[in-house]
Amino acid sequence: MGEAINLVNNFKVEKVIFNCGEFNDLEQELIKVLDKKKIPYYSCIEELNIDNKKLYFLQTKEYDNENDNSNVIYTELNGYRFMFMGDASITTEKEILDKYDLPDIDALKVGHHGSRTSSSKEFIDEINPKYSIISVGKNNRFRHPNKEVLNTLKDSKIYRTDENGSIMFKIKNNKLKIELCNP
């Protein structure tokens, strides 16, 4: 979120989607820029159509914890299932499991940088990700990802931005290909 204004100022942005909950100070500053540039924005949506594909926003409840208000997005592309957890915690994971009958996931963007507050064994066992992607800074002060989370994810192929750099998933000829750009 901290770089959102720079993104809007330096790239063509058509729309912005905020998570559920009250707008924090960073979001309010971004909204001023969006209004000035006449860029529409939305909050707490359930789904978004892009061409003939849908993004499903699974987290549409408002929590008193900003991390739990993170957008949790599920989509299916060419038969491959992707889930992006934002910073959602075990609390949000449990509510998503209670609300949805989720299939096995091909690629999971692991919640909250692999912190111990997310990626419960119950959740991971239920969605059974084939690939797990952890977005985390090298030598970060929080020591993410957590060792227990890594152990919980052991049945999936784990990619980490601190070790692998940028991680790109491409679907070509109905085959999923993973490309890495080392840091």
N, C-alpha and C. Protein backbone atom coordinates (compact mmCIF):
# COMPACT_ATOMS: atom_id res chain seq x y z
N MET A 1 0.83 -1.19 0.00
CA MET A 1 0.00 0.00 0.00
C MET A 1 0.86 1.25 0.00
N GLY A 2 2.03 1.15 0.60
CA GLY A 2 2.90 2.31 0.73
C GLY A 2 3.36 2.91 -0.59
N GLU A 3 3.37 2.11 -1.65
CA GLU A 3 3.82 2.60 -2.96
C GLU A 3 2.66 2.84 -3.92
N ALA A 4 1.43 2.76 -3.45
CA ALA A 4 0.26 2.88 -4.33
C ALA A 4 0.21 4.22 -5.05
N ILE A 5 0.52 5.31 -4.36
CA ILE A 5 0.49 6.62 -5.00
C ILE A 5 1.52 6.69 -6.12
N ASN A 6 2.72 6.16 -5.87
CA ASN A 6 3.73 6.14 -6.93
C ASN A 6 3.27 5.32 -8.13
N LEU A 7 2.62 4.20 -7.88
CA LEU A 7 2.09 3.37 -8.97
C LEU A 7 1.06 4.16 -9.79
N VAL A 8 0.14 4.81 -9.10
CA VAL A 8 -0.90 5.57 -9.79
C VAL A 8 -0.30 6.74 -10.57
N ASN A 9 0.74 7.34 -10.02
CA ASN A 9 1.37 8.48 -10.70
C ASN A 9 2.27 8.08 -11.86
N ASN A 10 2.71 6.83 -11.90
CA ASN A 10 3.69 6.44 -12.91
C ASN A 10 3.22 5.36 -13.89
N PHE A 11 2.02 4.84 -13.68
CA PHE A 11 1.47 3.82 -14.57
C PHE A 11 0.02 4.16 -14.87
N LYS A 12 -0.47 3.61 -15.97
CA LYS A 12 -1.88 3.81 -16.31
C LYS A 12 -2.72 2.89 -15.42
N VAL A 13 -3.49 3.47 -14.57
CA VAL A 13 -4.36 2.74 -13.66
C VAL A 13 -5.80 3.10 -14.01
N GLU A 14 -6.60 2.08 -14.28
CA GLU A 14 -7.99 2.34 -14.67
C GLU A 14 -8.95 2.35 -13.48
N LYS A 15 -8.69 1.47 -12.50
CA LYS A 15 -9.56 1.36 -11.33
C LYS A 15 -8.73 0.88 -10.15
N VAL A 16 -9.20 1.18 -8.96
CA VAL A 16 -8.53 0.71 -7.74
C VAL A 16 -9.59 0.04 -6.87
N ILE A 17 -9.21 -1.09 -6.29
CA ILE A 17 -10.10 -1.82 -5.40
C ILE A 17 -9.48 -1.84 -4.02
N PHE A 18 -10.22 -1.31 -3.06
CA PHE A 18 -9.80 -1.33 -1.67
C PHE A 18 -10.44 -2.52 -0.97
N ASN A 19 -9.84 -2.92 0.14
CA ASN A 19 -10.42 -3.98 0.94
C ASN A 19 -11.59 -3.43 1.76
N CYS A 20 -12.18 -4.29 2.56
CA CYS A 20 -13.26 -3.87 3.45
C CYS A 20 -12.67 -3.08 4.62
N GLY A 21 -13.50 -2.32 5.25
CA GLY A 21 -13.08 -1.57 6.43
C GLY A 21 -12.91 -0.09 6.14
N GLU A 22 -12.70 0.66 7.21
CA GLU A 22 -12.49 2.10 7.08
C GLU A 22 -11.18 2.37 6.36
N PHE A 23 -11.13 3.49 5.64
CA PHE A 23 -9.90 3.87 4.95
C PHE A 23 -8.90 4.41 5.96
N ASN A 24 -7.67 3.85 5.92
CA ASN A 24 -6.61 4.35 6.80
C ASN A 24 -5.99 5.61 6.17
N ASP A 25 -5.00 6.17 6.83
CA ASP A 25 -4.39 7.42 6.36
C ASP A 25 -3.77 7.27 4.97
N LEU A 26 -3.06 6.17 4.73
CA LEU A 26 -2.46 5.94 3.40
C LEU A 26 -3.54 5.85 2.32
N GLU A 27 -4.60 5.14 2.62
CA GLU A 27 -5.69 4.99 1.66
C GLU A 27 -6.37 6.33 1.39
N GLN A 28 -6.54 7.15 2.43
CA GLN A 28 -7.16 8.46 2.25
C GLN A 28 -6.28 9.36 1.37
N GLU A 29 -4.97 9.27 1.52
CA GLU A 29 -4.06 10.04 0.65
C GLU A 29 -4.16 9.55 -0.78
N LEU A 30 -4.25 8.24 -0.96
CA LEU A 30 -4.40 7.68 -2.30
C LEU A 30 -5.72 8.13 -2.92
N ILE A 31 -6.78 8.15 -2.15
CA ILE A 31 -8.09 8.57 -2.66
C ILE A 31 -8.03 10.01 -3.18
N LYS A 32 -7.29 10.89 -2.50
CA LYS A 32 -7.14 12.27 -2.98
C LYS A 32 -6.52 12.28 -4.38
N VAL A 33 -5.51 11.44 -4.59
CA VAL A 33 -4.85 11.35 -5.90
C VAL A 33 -5.81 10.76 -6.93
N LEU A 34 -6.54 9.72 -6.54
CA LEU A 34 -7.50 9.09 -7.45
C LEU A 34 -8.58 10.08 -7.88
N ASP A 35 -9.09 10.85 -6.92
CA ASP A 35 -10.12 11.84 -7.23
C ASP A 35 -9.57 12.89 -8.20
N LYS A 36 -8.36 13.34 -7.94
CA LYS A 36 -7.74 14.35 -8.79
C LYS A 36 -7.57 13.83 -10.22
N LYS A 37 -7.19 12.56 -10.35
CA LYS A 37 -6.97 11.95 -11.67
C LYS A 37 -8.25 11.34 -12.25
N LYS A 38 -9.35 11.45 -11.50
CA LYS A 38 -10.64 10.89 -11.93
C LYS A 38 -10.56 9.38 -12.18
N ILE A 39 -9.87 8.69 -11.29
CA ILE A 39 -9.76 7.23 -11.36
C ILE A 39 -10.79 6.66 -10.38
N PRO A 40 -11.72 5.84 -10.87
CA PRO A 40 -12.72 5.27 -9.97
C PRO A 40 -12.12 4.25 -9.01
N TYR A 41 -12.71 4.15 -7.84
CA TYR A 41 -12.27 3.17 -6.87
C TYR A 41 -13.49 2.54 -6.20
N TYR A 42 -13.27 1.33 -5.70
CA TYR A 42 -14.34 0.54 -5.11
C TYR A 42 -13.82 -0.07 -3.82
N SER A 43 -14.75 -0.45 -2.97
CA SER A 43 -14.37 -1.05 -1.69
C SER A 43 -15.28 -2.23 -1.39
N CYS A 44 -14.67 -3.29 -0.84
CA CYS A 44 -15.43 -4.43 -0.31
C CYS A 44 -16.33 -5.06 -1.38
N ILE A 45 -15.76 -5.38 -2.54
CA ILE A 45 -16.54 -5.98 -3.61
C ILE A 45 -16.48 -7.51 -3.51
N GLU A 46 -17.41 -8.19 -4.17
CA GLU A 46 -17.47 -9.66 -4.12
C GLU A 46 -16.84 -10.32 -5.32
N GLU A 47 -16.95 -9.67 -6.50
CA GLU A 47 -16.32 -10.25 -7.69
C GLU A 47 -16.05 -9.16 -8.71
N LEU A 48 -15.12 -9.49 -9.60
CA LEU A 48 -14.72 -8.56 -10.64
C LEU A 48 -14.54 -9.34 -11.93
N ASN A 49 -15.17 -8.88 -13.00
CA ASN A 49 -15.02 -9.49 -14.31
C ASN A 49 -13.90 -8.79 -15.07
N ILE A 50 -12.97 -9.57 -15.58
CA ILE A 50 -11.90 -9.06 -16.44
C ILE A 50 -11.93 -9.91 -17.69
N ASP A 51 -12.30 -9.28 -18.80
CA ASP A 51 -12.56 -10.01 -20.04
C ASP A 51 -13.56 -11.11 -19.72
N ASN A 52 -13.23 -12.36 -19.96
CA ASN A 52 -14.16 -13.45 -19.66
C ASN A 52 -13.74 -14.22 -18.41
N LYS A 53 -12.90 -13.60 -17.59
CA LYS A 53 -12.43 -14.22 -16.34
C LYS A 53 -13.02 -13.48 -15.15
N LYS A 54 -13.12 -14.18 -14.03
CA LYS A 54 -13.64 -13.58 -12.81
C LYS A 54 -12.63 -13.67 -11.68
N LEU A 55 -12.54 -12.60 -10.92
CA LEU A 55 -11.82 -12.62 -9.65
C LEU A 55 -12.89 -12.63 -8.56
N TYR A 56 -12.78 -13.57 -7.65
CA TYR A 56 -13.72 -13.66 -6.53
C TYR A 56 -13.03 -13.15 -5.27
N PHE A 57 -13.64 -12.19 -4.63
CA PHE A 57 -13.11 -11.62 -3.40
C PHE A 57 -13.80 -12.35 -2.25
N LEU A 58 -13.06 -13.24 -1.62
CA LEU A 58 -13.65 -14.13 -0.62
C LEU A 58 -13.84 -13.46 0.72
N GLN A 59 -13.09 -12.43 0.99
CA GLN A 59 -13.14 -11.75 2.28
C GLN A 59 -13.97 -10.49 2.12
N THR A 60 -15.22 -10.54 2.48
CA THR A 60 -16.09 -9.37 2.33
C THR A 60 -16.73 -8.98 3.66
N LYS A 61 -16.11 -9.41 4.73
CA LYS A 61 -16.58 -9.05 6.06
C LYS A 61 -15.61 -8.01 6.62
N GLU A 62 -16.12 -7.10 7.42
CA GLU A 62 -15.24 -6.10 8.02
C GLU A 62 -14.79 -6.55 9.41
N TYR A 63 -13.47 -6.52 9.59
CA TYR A 63 -12.86 -6.89 10.87
C TYR A 63 -12.31 -5.63 11.54
N ASP A 64 -11.96 -5.74 12.80
CA ASP A 64 -11.32 -4.60 13.46
C ASP A 64 -9.80 -4.69 13.35
N ASN A 65 -9.32 -5.60 12.52
CA ASN A 65 -7.89 -5.81 12.30
C ASN A 65 -7.61 -5.57 10.82
N GLU A 66 -6.76 -4.61 10.51
CA GLU A 66 -6.50 -4.25 9.11
C GLU A 66 -5.98 -5.41 8.28
N ASN A 67 -5.14 -6.27 8.86
CA ASN A 67 -4.64 -7.42 8.11
C ASN A 67 -5.77 -8.36 7.71
N ASP A 68 -6.71 -8.58 8.62
CA ASP A 68 -7.83 -9.47 8.31
C ASP A 68 -8.78 -8.85 7.28
N ASN A 69 -8.71 -7.54 7.10
CA ASN A 69 -9.51 -6.88 6.07
C ASN A 69 -8.87 -7.00 4.69
N SER A 70 -7.69 -7.63 4.60
CA SER A 70 -7.03 -7.79 3.31
C SER A 70 -7.94 -8.48 2.30
N ASN A 71 -7.84 -8.05 1.06
CA ASN A 71 -8.56 -8.74 0.00
C ASN A 71 -7.97 -10.15 -0.14
N VAL A 72 -8.83 -11.14 -0.14
CA VAL A 72 -8.45 -12.52 -0.42
C VAL A 72 -9.12 -12.85 -1.75
N ILE A 73 -8.30 -13.16 -2.75
CA ILE A 73 -8.82 -13.30 -4.11
C ILE A 73 -8.59 -14.72 -4.63
N TYR A 74 -9.65 -15.27 -5.22
CA TYR A 74 -9.58 -16.58 -5.87
C TYR A 74 -9.92 -16.39 -7.33
N THR A 75 -9.18 -17.06 -8.21
CA THR A 75 -9.52 -17.05 -9.62
C THR A 75 -9.09 -18.35 -10.26
N GLU A 76 -9.71 -18.64 -11.38
CA GLU A 76 -9.34 -19.81 -12.17
C GLU A 76 -9.01 -19.33 -13.58
N LEU A 77 -7.83 -19.70 -14.07
CA LEU A 77 -7.38 -19.32 -15.40
C LEU A 77 -6.95 -20.57 -16.15
N ASN A 78 -7.60 -20.85 -17.26
CA ASN A 78 -7.28 -22.02 -18.09
C ASN A 78 -7.24 -23.31 -17.27
N GLY A 79 -8.13 -23.43 -16.31
CA GLY A 79 -8.21 -24.63 -15.49
C GLY A 79 -7.26 -24.64 -14.30
N TYR A 80 -6.42 -23.61 -14.15
CA TYR A 80 -5.51 -23.51 -13.01
C TYR A 80 -6.13 -22.58 -11.96
N ARG A 81 -6.04 -23.01 -10.71
CA ARG A 81 -6.66 -22.26 -9.60
C ARG A 81 -5.60 -21.49 -8.82
N PHE A 82 -5.88 -20.20 -8.61
CA PHE A 82 -4.96 -19.30 -7.91
C PHE A 82 -5.68 -18.67 -6.72
N MET A 83 -4.96 -18.52 -5.61
CA MET A 83 -5.51 -17.83 -4.45
C MET A 83 -4.45 -16.89 -3.89
N PHE A 84 -4.88 -15.67 -3.63
CA PHE A 84 -4.00 -14.63 -3.11
C PHE A 84 -4.53 -14.19 -1.75
N MET A 85 -3.74 -14.42 -0.69
CA MET A 85 -4.23 -14.26 0.67
C MET A 85 -3.99 -12.88 1.29
N GLY A 86 -3.27 -11.99 0.63
CA GLY A 86 -2.99 -10.70 1.25
C GLY A 86 -2.31 -10.91 2.59
N ASP A 87 -2.73 -10.17 3.61
CA ASP A 87 -2.19 -10.32 4.96
C ASP A 87 -3.18 -11.01 5.89
N ALA A 88 -4.17 -11.69 5.32
CA ALA A 88 -5.22 -12.32 6.12
C ALA A 88 -4.63 -13.32 7.11
N SER A 89 -5.26 -13.39 8.27
CA SER A 89 -4.78 -14.27 9.33
C SER A 89 -5.57 -15.56 9.39
N ILE A 90 -5.23 -16.37 10.36
CA ILE A 90 -5.91 -17.64 10.60
C ILE A 90 -7.41 -17.42 10.84
N THR A 91 -7.78 -16.30 11.46
CA THR A 91 -9.19 -15.97 11.69
C THR A 91 -9.94 -15.89 10.36
N THR A 92 -9.38 -15.16 9.41
CA THR A 92 -10.01 -15.02 8.09
C THR A 92 -10.01 -16.37 7.36
N GLU A 93 -8.91 -17.10 7.46
CA GLU A 93 -8.84 -18.42 6.81
C GLU A 93 -9.98 -19.32 7.29
N LYS A 94 -10.20 -19.34 8.61
CA LYS A 94 -11.26 -20.18 9.17
C LYS A 94 -12.62 -19.77 8.64
N GLU A 95 -12.87 -18.48 8.58
CA GLU A 95 -14.18 -18.02 8.09
C GLU A 95 -14.35 -18.33 6.61
N ILE A 96 -13.27 -18.26 5.83
CA ILE A 96 -13.34 -18.61 4.41
C ILE A 96 -13.64 -20.10 4.26
N LEU A 97 -12.98 -20.93 5.06
CA LEU A 97 -13.26 -22.38 5.01
C LEU A 97 -14.71 -22.68 5.38
N ASP A 98 -15.23 -21.95 6.37
CA ASP A 98 -16.62 -22.15 6.80
C ASP A 98 -17.62 -21.72 5.72
N LYS A 99 -17.26 -20.71 4.95
CA LYS A 99 -18.18 -20.10 3.98
C LYS A 99 -18.11 -20.75 2.59
N TYR A 100 -16.92 -21.23 2.19
CA TYR A 100 -16.72 -21.72 0.83
C TYR A 100 -16.23 -23.16 0.81
N ASP A 101 -16.63 -23.87 -0.23
CA ASP A 101 -16.11 -25.21 -0.49
C ASP A 101 -15.02 -25.05 -1.53
N LEU A 102 -13.80 -24.87 -1.08
CA LEU A 102 -12.69 -24.56 -1.98
C LEU A 102 -12.06 -25.82 -2.57
N PRO A 103 -11.71 -25.75 -3.85
CA PRO A 103 -11.01 -26.88 -4.47
C PRO A 103 -9.52 -26.81 -4.11
N ASP A 104 -8.77 -27.82 -4.53
CA ASP A 104 -7.32 -27.75 -4.40
C ASP A 104 -6.82 -26.57 -5.22
N ILE A 105 -5.84 -25.88 -4.69
CA ILE A 105 -5.30 -24.67 -5.31
C ILE A 105 -3.98 -25.01 -6.01
N ASP A 106 -3.82 -24.53 -7.23
CA ASP A 106 -2.54 -24.74 -7.93
C ASP A 106 -1.47 -23.81 -7.38
N ALA A 107 -1.79 -22.52 -7.25
CA ALA A 107 -0.80 -21.55 -6.78
C ALA A 107 -1.41 -20.69 -5.69
N LEU A 108 -0.76 -20.70 -4.53
CA LEU A 108 -1.19 -19.92 -3.37
C LEU A 108 -0.17 -18.84 -3.09
N LYS A 109 -0.62 -17.58 -3.07
CA LYS A 109 0.23 -16.52 -2.55
C LYS A 109 -0.03 -16.55 -1.05
N VAL A 110 0.96 -17.00 -0.31
CA VAL A 110 0.84 -17.27 1.13
C VAL A 110 0.52 -15.97 1.88
N GLY A 111 -0.33 -16.10 2.88
CA GLY A 111 -0.75 -14.95 3.67
C GLY A 111 0.34 -14.37 4.54
N HIS A 112 0.32 -13.06 4.66
CA HIS A 112 1.13 -12.26 5.59
C HIS A 112 2.61 -12.64 5.61
N HIS A 113 3.18 -12.78 4.43
CA HIS A 113 4.62 -13.01 4.26
C HIS A 113 5.10 -14.30 4.93
N GLY A 114 4.19 -15.23 5.14
CA GLY A 114 4.56 -16.49 5.79
C GLY A 114 4.69 -16.35 7.30
N SER A 115 4.02 -15.36 7.88
CA SER A 115 4.10 -15.18 9.33
C SER A 115 3.31 -16.28 10.04
N ARG A 116 3.58 -16.44 11.31
CA ARG A 116 2.91 -17.48 12.09
C ARG A 116 1.43 -17.18 12.31
N THR A 117 0.99 -15.95 11.96
CA THR A 117 -0.42 -15.58 12.14
C THR A 117 -1.30 -16.06 11.00
N SER A 118 -0.68 -16.67 9.98
CA SER A 118 -1.47 -17.14 8.83
C SER A 118 -1.02 -18.54 8.43
N SER A 119 -1.69 -19.07 7.42
CA SER A 119 -1.35 -20.39 6.86
C SER A 119 -1.47 -21.51 7.89
N SER A 120 -2.65 -21.59 8.51
CA SER A 120 -2.88 -22.65 9.49
C SER A 120 -2.84 -24.01 8.79
N LYS A 121 -2.49 -25.03 9.54
CA LYS A 121 -2.44 -26.38 8.98
C LYS A 121 -3.81 -26.78 8.44
N GLU A 122 -4.87 -26.44 9.16
CA GLU A 122 -6.23 -26.76 8.73
C GLU A 122 -6.52 -26.14 7.35
N PHE A 123 -6.16 -24.88 7.19
CA PHE A 123 -6.41 -24.17 5.93
C PHE A 123 -5.59 -24.78 4.79
N ILE A 124 -4.30 -24.97 5.03
CA ILE A 124 -3.41 -25.50 3.99
C ILE A 124 -3.81 -26.92 3.63
N ASP A 125 -4.17 -27.74 4.61
CA ASP A 125 -4.61 -29.11 4.32
C ASP A 125 -5.87 -29.10 3.45
N GLU A 126 -6.75 -28.14 3.69
CA GLU A 126 -8.01 -28.08 2.93
C GLU A 126 -7.80 -27.63 1.49
N ILE A 127 -6.96 -26.61 1.27
CA ILE A 127 -6.79 -26.09 -0.10
C ILE A 127 -5.66 -26.79 -0.85
N ASN A 128 -4.79 -27.47 -0.12
CA ASN A 128 -3.76 -28.33 -0.70
C ASN A 128 -3.01 -27.68 -1.89
N PRO A 129 -2.30 -26.58 -1.64
CA PRO A 129 -1.64 -25.90 -2.76
C PRO A 129 -0.51 -26.72 -3.38
N LYS A 130 -0.43 -26.67 -4.70
CA LYS A 130 0.67 -27.32 -5.42
C LYS A 130 1.93 -26.47 -5.33
N TYR A 131 1.75 -25.14 -5.47
CA TYR A 131 2.85 -24.17 -5.36
C TYR A 131 2.47 -23.14 -4.32
N SER A 132 3.43 -22.76 -3.49
CA SER A 132 3.22 -21.73 -2.49
C SER A 132 4.24 -20.62 -2.71
N ILE A 133 3.75 -19.40 -2.84
CA ILE A 133 4.62 -18.25 -3.08
C ILE A 133 4.60 -17.37 -1.84
N ILE A 134 5.78 -17.09 -1.33
CA ILE A 134 5.90 -16.23 -0.15
C ILE A 134 6.62 -14.96 -0.57
N SER A 135 5.90 -13.85 -0.46
CA SER A 135 6.48 -12.54 -0.75
C SER A 135 7.09 -12.02 0.54
N VAL A 136 8.43 -11.95 0.55
CA VAL A 136 9.12 -11.60 1.79
C VAL A 136 10.47 -10.96 1.47
N GLY A 137 10.82 -9.94 2.24
CA GLY A 137 12.10 -9.27 2.05
C GLY A 137 13.25 -10.07 2.64
N LYS A 138 14.39 -9.96 2.02
CA LYS A 138 15.59 -10.64 2.49
C LYS A 138 16.01 -10.05 3.84
N ASN A 139 16.36 -10.93 4.78
CA ASN A 139 16.82 -10.52 6.11
C ASN A 139 15.86 -9.54 6.78
N ASN A 140 14.55 -9.79 6.65
CA ASN A 140 13.56 -8.88 7.22
C ASN A 140 13.56 -8.95 8.74
N ARG A 141 13.19 -7.87 9.37
CA ARG A 141 13.27 -7.77 10.83
C ARG A 141 12.28 -8.69 11.55
N PHE A 142 11.26 -9.16 10.83
CA PHE A 142 10.27 -10.06 11.44
C PHE A 142 10.68 -11.52 11.32
N ARG A 143 11.76 -11.77 10.59
CA ARG A 143 12.26 -13.13 10.35
C ARG A 143 11.23 -14.00 9.65
N HIS A 144 10.45 -13.39 8.78
CA HIS A 144 9.52 -14.15 7.95
C HIS A 144 10.30 -14.82 6.83
N PRO A 145 9.87 -15.97 6.37
CA PRO A 145 8.71 -16.73 6.81
C PRO A 145 9.01 -17.55 8.07
N ASN A 146 7.97 -17.85 8.79
CA ASN A 146 8.05 -18.63 10.02
C ASN A 146 8.35 -20.09 9.70
N LYS A 147 9.19 -20.71 10.50
CA LYS A 147 9.58 -22.12 10.26
C LYS A 147 8.39 -23.07 10.31
N GLU A 148 7.46 -22.82 11.23
CA GLU A 148 6.27 -23.68 11.32
C GLU A 148 5.42 -23.57 10.05
N VAL A 149 5.31 -22.38 9.50
CA VAL A 149 4.55 -22.18 8.26
C VAL A 149 5.23 -22.93 7.12
N LEU A 150 6.55 -22.82 7.04
CA LEU A 150 7.29 -23.55 6.01
C LEU A 150 7.05 -25.04 6.13
N ASN A 151 7.00 -25.54 7.36
CA ASN A 151 6.73 -26.96 7.59
C ASN A 151 5.30 -27.32 7.16
N THR A 152 4.35 -26.43 7.46
CA THR A 152 2.96 -26.66 7.06
C THR A 152 2.84 -26.73 5.54
N LEU A 153 3.66 -25.95 4.84
CA LEU A 153 3.61 -25.88 3.37
C LEU A 153 4.50 -26.92 2.68
N LYS A 154 5.12 -27.81 3.44
CA LYS A 154 6.15 -28.71 2.91
C LYS A 154 5.69 -29.62 1.77
N ASP A 155 4.38 -29.87 1.67
CA ASP A 155 3.90 -30.73 0.59
C ASP A 155 3.71 -29.98 -0.73
N SER A 156 3.95 -28.68 -0.70
CA SER A 156 3.88 -27.89 -1.94
C SER A 156 5.29 -27.44 -2.31
N LYS A 157 5.45 -27.03 -3.54
CA LYS A 157 6.73 -26.46 -3.97
C LYS A 157 6.70 -25.00 -3.54
N ILE A 158 7.66 -24.60 -2.70
CA ILE A 158 7.69 -23.26 -2.12
C ILE A 158 8.65 -22.37 -2.91
N TYR A 159 8.15 -21.19 -3.28
CA TYR A 159 8.97 -20.15 -3.89
C TYR A 159 8.93 -18.94 -2.97
N ARG A 160 10.10 -18.32 -2.78
CA ARG A 160 10.20 -17.16 -1.89
C ARG A 160 10.91 -16.03 -2.62
N THR A 161 10.35 -14.83 -2.50
CA THR A 161 10.97 -13.70 -3.20
C THR A 161 12.34 -13.36 -2.64
N ASP A 162 12.59 -13.65 -1.37
CA ASP A 162 13.91 -13.35 -0.81
C ASP A 162 14.99 -14.29 -1.37
N GLU A 163 14.59 -15.48 -1.80
CA GLU A 163 15.54 -16.45 -2.35
C GLU A 163 15.47 -16.55 -3.87
N ASN A 164 14.25 -16.43 -4.41
CA ASN A 164 14.05 -16.65 -5.84
C ASN A 164 13.87 -15.37 -6.65
N GLY A 165 13.71 -14.23 -5.99
CA GLY A 165 13.44 -12.98 -6.71
C GLY A 165 12.00 -12.95 -7.19
N SER A 166 11.79 -12.31 -8.34
CA SER A 166 10.45 -12.24 -8.92
C SER A 166 10.00 -13.62 -9.38
N ILE A 167 8.73 -13.91 -9.15
CA ILE A 167 8.18 -15.21 -9.49
C ILE A 167 7.00 -14.96 -10.44
N MET A 168 7.11 -15.50 -11.64
CA MET A 168 6.10 -15.26 -12.65
C MET A 168 5.47 -16.58 -13.08
N PHE A 169 4.15 -16.61 -13.05
CA PHE A 169 3.41 -17.77 -13.54
C PHE A 169 2.86 -17.43 -14.91
N LYS A 170 3.15 -18.28 -15.88
CA LYS A 170 2.65 -18.08 -17.24
C LYS A 170 1.89 -19.32 -17.66
N ILE A 171 0.79 -19.11 -18.35
CA ILE A 171 0.03 -20.22 -18.92
C ILE A 171 0.14 -20.09 -20.43
N LYS A 172 0.77 -21.09 -21.03
CA LYS A 172 0.92 -21.09 -22.48
C LYS A 172 0.59 -22.49 -22.98
N ASN A 173 -0.26 -22.56 -24.00
CA ASN A 173 -0.73 -23.85 -24.52
C ASN A 173 -1.29 -24.73 -23.39
N ASN A 174 -2.03 -24.09 -22.49
CA ASN A 174 -2.66 -24.77 -21.35
C ASN A 174 -1.67 -25.44 -20.40
N LYS A 175 -0.42 -25.01 -20.42
CA LYS A 175 0.60 -25.51 -19.50
C LYS A 175 1.04 -24.36 -18.59
N LEU A 176 1.14 -24.65 -17.31
CA LEU A 176 1.59 -23.66 -16.34
C LEU A 176 3.11 -23.70 -16.27
N LYS A 177 3.73 -22.55 -16.47
CA LYS A 177 5.18 -22.44 -16.43
C LYS A 177 5.55 -21.39 -15.40
N ILE A 178 6.58 -21.68 -14.62
CA ILE A 178 7.03 -20.75 -13.58
C ILE A 178 8.41 -20.22 -13.99
N GLU A 179 8.52 -18.90 -14.01
CA GLU A 179 9.79 -18.25 -14.34
C GLU A 179 10.26 -17.43 -13.14
N LEU A 180 11.55 -17.52 -12.87
CA LEU A 180 12.14 -16.79 -11.75
C LEU A 180 13.13 -15.75 -12.29
N CYS A 181 13.18 -14.64 -11.61
CA CYS A 181 14.17 -13.61 -11.93
C CYS A 181 14.92 -13.35 -10.64
N ASN A 182 16.09 -13.97 -10.52
CA ASN A 182 16.85 -13.92 -9.28
C ASN A 182 17.10 -12.50 -8.80
N PRO A 183 17.09 -12.34 -7.46
CA PRO A 183 17.28 -11.00 -6.88
C PRO A 183 18.68 -10.45 -7.14
